[in-house]
Amino acid sequence: MFLKHMPSSDLIEVLDLNELVNPCRETITGCSHAGEEMQEPASFQKAALIFPSGEALPQCWVDPHYQKKM
C-alpha cells in the first residue's frame, strides 16, 4: 500500500500493514519512493501521512480512543 507523506509529497510504501491499522502505533515503517532508487526503510509519523487521493487516514487507525468520542 502507498501513502503520501504530506511534508515532502513523496509516496511511501507501507511495509507492515499491521503497524498502519494499529491505532496504538504513532509511526509506521516504510520506504520513500522519491528519485530513481529505492530508499532504505525509515520511520514515518502517521500524522504526516494521507492517502494519495488526499483523504485523511481513518480515525480508527490513528486514535486508540476513537470510540469514546462518539
Protein backbone atom coordinates (compact mmCIF):
# COMPACT_ATOMS: atom_id res chain seq x y z
CA MET A 1 0.00 0.00 0.00
CA PHE A 2 1.20 3.50 -0.77
CA LEU A 3 0.51 6.65 1.24
CA LYS A 4 1.53 10.25 0.63
CA HIS A 5 3.92 11.98 3.03
CA MET A 6 2.45 15.49 3.38
CA PRO A 7 5.65 17.45 4.18
CA SER A 8 7.58 16.10 1.17
CA SER A 9 4.73 14.95 -1.14
CA ASP A 10 6.66 11.68 -1.63
CA LEU A 11 4.89 8.34 -1.91
CA ILE A 12 5.64 6.00 0.98
CA GLU A 13 5.34 2.24 0.58
CA VAL A 14 3.95 0.81 3.82
CA LEU A 15 6.00 -2.26 4.73
CA ASP A 16 3.79 -3.58 7.55
CA LEU A 17 0.03 -3.08 7.28
CA ASN A 18 -0.43 -4.17 10.90
CA GLU A 19 1.52 -1.08 12.02
CA LEU A 20 -0.71 1.10 9.88
CA VAL A 21 -4.05 -0.17 11.21
CA ASN A 22 -2.90 -0.39 14.85
CA PRO A 23 -4.21 2.81 16.49
CA CYS A 24 -1.69 2.49 19.35
CA ARG A 25 1.24 2.96 16.94
CA GLU A 26 2.15 6.57 16.10
CA THR A 27 4.67 5.58 13.44
CA ILE A 28 4.92 3.14 10.57
CA THR A 29 7.90 1.66 8.75
CA GLY A 30 8.03 2.42 5.06
CA CYS A 31 10.19 3.17 2.05
CA SER A 32 10.11 6.52 0.29
CA HIS A 33 9.64 6.35 -3.47
CA ALA A 34 11.39 9.59 -4.33
CA GLY A 35 14.00 9.55 -7.04
CA GLU A 36 15.07 6.61 -9.14
CA GLU A 37 16.46 4.29 -6.47
CA MET A 38 14.57 2.52 -3.72
CA GLN A 39 15.26 4.19 -0.38
CA GLU A 40 16.13 2.41 2.85
CA PRO A 41 13.23 1.69 5.25
CA ALA A 42 12.51 4.57 7.61
CA SER A 43 10.01 5.51 10.30
CA PHE A 44 7.18 7.91 9.40
CA GLN A 45 4.67 9.61 11.69
CA LYS A 46 1.09 8.57 10.89
CA ALA A 47 0.01 12.18 11.47
CA ALA A 48 2.06 13.20 8.41
CA LEU A 49 0.51 10.59 6.10
CA ILE A 50 -2.59 10.71 3.90
CA PHE A 51 -3.95 8.62 1.06
CA PRO A 52 -2.63 9.60 -2.40
CA SER A 53 -6.15 10.90 -3.18
CA GLY A 54 -5.76 13.48 -0.40
CA GLU A 55 -8.05 11.79 2.12
CA ALA A 56 -7.00 11.51 5.76
CA LEU A 57 -6.35 8.15 7.38
CA PRO A 58 -9.39 6.68 9.20
CA GLN A 59 -9.67 7.67 12.86
CA CYS A 60 -9.70 4.01 13.91
CA TRP A 61 -6.13 3.74 12.53
CA VAL A 62 -4.71 6.76 14.36
CA ASP A 63 -6.68 7.27 17.58
CA PRO A 64 -6.87 4.44 20.14
CA HIS A 65 -9.78 6.23 21.87
CA TYR A 66 -11.86 6.94 18.78
CA GLN A 67 -14.90 5.02 20.09
CA LYS A 68 -15.07 7.03 23.32
CA LYS A 69 -15.55 10.30 21.41
CA MET A 70 -18.90 9.25 19.92
